[in-house]
Amino acid sequence: DHIFSPKELKIPAHQKIKLIVDNQDPTAEEFESYALNREKVVAGGKKIIVFIGPLKPGSYEYIGEFHKDTAKGVIVAQ
């Protein structure tokens, strides 16, 4: 339904993370984060891997570029 679940993802600060984005919708979406400097398209029904970090403690927002109104989330490094 063009949402991210969970909407808030907590990760350890100062560590490199392998994030798996699983698109369970039938249409493509673009995982995009200006804060993380990441932009990657994931086809409908497919998964992608996005490496992030190591991050300083804080909040890093991301969106689904194709469904900005509903596909929003935040990664919290702590």
Protein backbone atom coordinates (compact mmCIF):
# COMPACT_ATOMS: atom_id res chain seq x y z
CA ASP A 1 0.00 0.00 0.00
CA HIS A 2 2.93 2.33 -0.68
CA ILE A 3 4.12 2.65 2.92
CA PHE A 4 7.31 1.73 4.77
CA SER A 5 7.06 -0.70 7.64
CA PRO A 6 8.33 -0.06 10.19
CA LYS A 7 8.13 3.71 9.80
CA GLU A 8 10.95 4.12 12.33
CA LEU A 9 13.99 1.86 12.17
CA LYS A 10 16.48 1.99 15.05
CA ILE A 11 20.08 1.03 14.29
CA PRO A 12 23.36 1.23 16.20
CA ALA A 13 25.37 4.40 15.63
CA HIS A 14 28.92 4.23 14.29
CA GLN A 15 28.36 0.92 12.44
CA LYS A 16 27.93 0.14 8.76
CA ILE A 17 24.46 -1.34 8.14
CA LYS A 18 23.12 -3.55 5.37
CA LEU A 19 19.50 -2.47 4.87
CA ILE A 20 17.25 -4.78 2.86
CA VAL A 21 14.29 -2.99 1.27
CA ASP A 22 11.52 -5.44 0.33
CA ASN A 23 8.94 -3.93 -2.04
CA GLN A 24 5.77 -5.91 -1.45
CA ASP A 25 3.74 -3.72 -3.78
CA PRO A 26 3.28 -4.72 -7.44
CA THR A 27 4.67 -1.38 -8.67
CA ALA A 28 8.18 0.06 -8.51
CA GLU A 29 9.31 2.47 -5.81
CA GLU A 30 12.40 4.58 -5.29
CA PHE A 31 14.06 4.51 -1.87
CA GLU A 32 15.43 8.02 -1.49
CA SER A 33 17.16 9.81 1.36
CA TYR A 34 18.85 13.18 1.05
CA ALA A 35 20.14 12.80 4.62
CA LEU A 36 21.82 9.48 3.74
CA ASN A 37 22.75 10.45 0.18
CA ARG A 38 21.03 7.32 -1.18
CA GLU A 39 18.68 6.82 -4.12
CA LYS A 40 17.77 3.39 -5.47
CA VAL A 41 14.80 2.00 -7.40
CA VAL A 42 13.26 -1.29 -6.26
CA ALA A 43 10.98 -3.06 -8.73
CA GLY A 44 7.57 -4.32 -7.65
CA GLY A 45 7.82 -7.58 -5.73
CA LYS A 46 11.64 -7.35 -5.49
CA LYS A 47 14.27 -6.59 -2.85
CA ILE A 48 17.32 -4.35 -2.88
CA ILE A 49 20.27 -3.90 -0.56
CA VAL A 50 21.29 -0.43 0.60
CA PHE A 51 24.47 -0.01 2.64
CA ILE A 52 24.42 2.94 5.03
CA GLY A 53 26.72 4.30 7.69
CA PRO A 54 28.53 4.38 9.83
CA LEU A 55 26.18 7.09 11.08
CA LYS A 56 26.50 9.57 13.90
CA PRO A 57 23.65 9.44 16.45
CA GLY A 58 20.59 11.15 15.04
CA SER A 59 17.55 10.82 12.79
CA TYR A 60 17.76 10.32 9.03
CA GLU A 61 14.57 10.64 7.00
CA TYR A 62 13.80 8.69 3.82
CA ILE A 63 10.89 8.59 1.39
CA GLY A 64 9.47 6.58 -1.47
CA GLU A 65 9.99 9.06 -4.31
CA PHE A 66 7.05 7.70 -6.34
CA HIS A 67 4.60 7.89 -3.40
CA LYS A 68 5.87 10.78 -1.28
CA ASP A 69 2.57 11.31 0.53
CA THR A 70 2.44 7.83 2.08
CA ALA A 71 5.92 6.29 1.82
CA LYS A 72 7.87 8.02 4.59
CA GLY A 73 10.20 6.76 7.26
CA VAL A 74 13.11 7.56 9.51
CA ILE A 75 16.26 5.73 10.55
CA VAL A 76 17.35 6.52 14.10
CA ALA A 77 21.01 5.85 14.84
CA GLN A 78 21.64 5.53 18.58
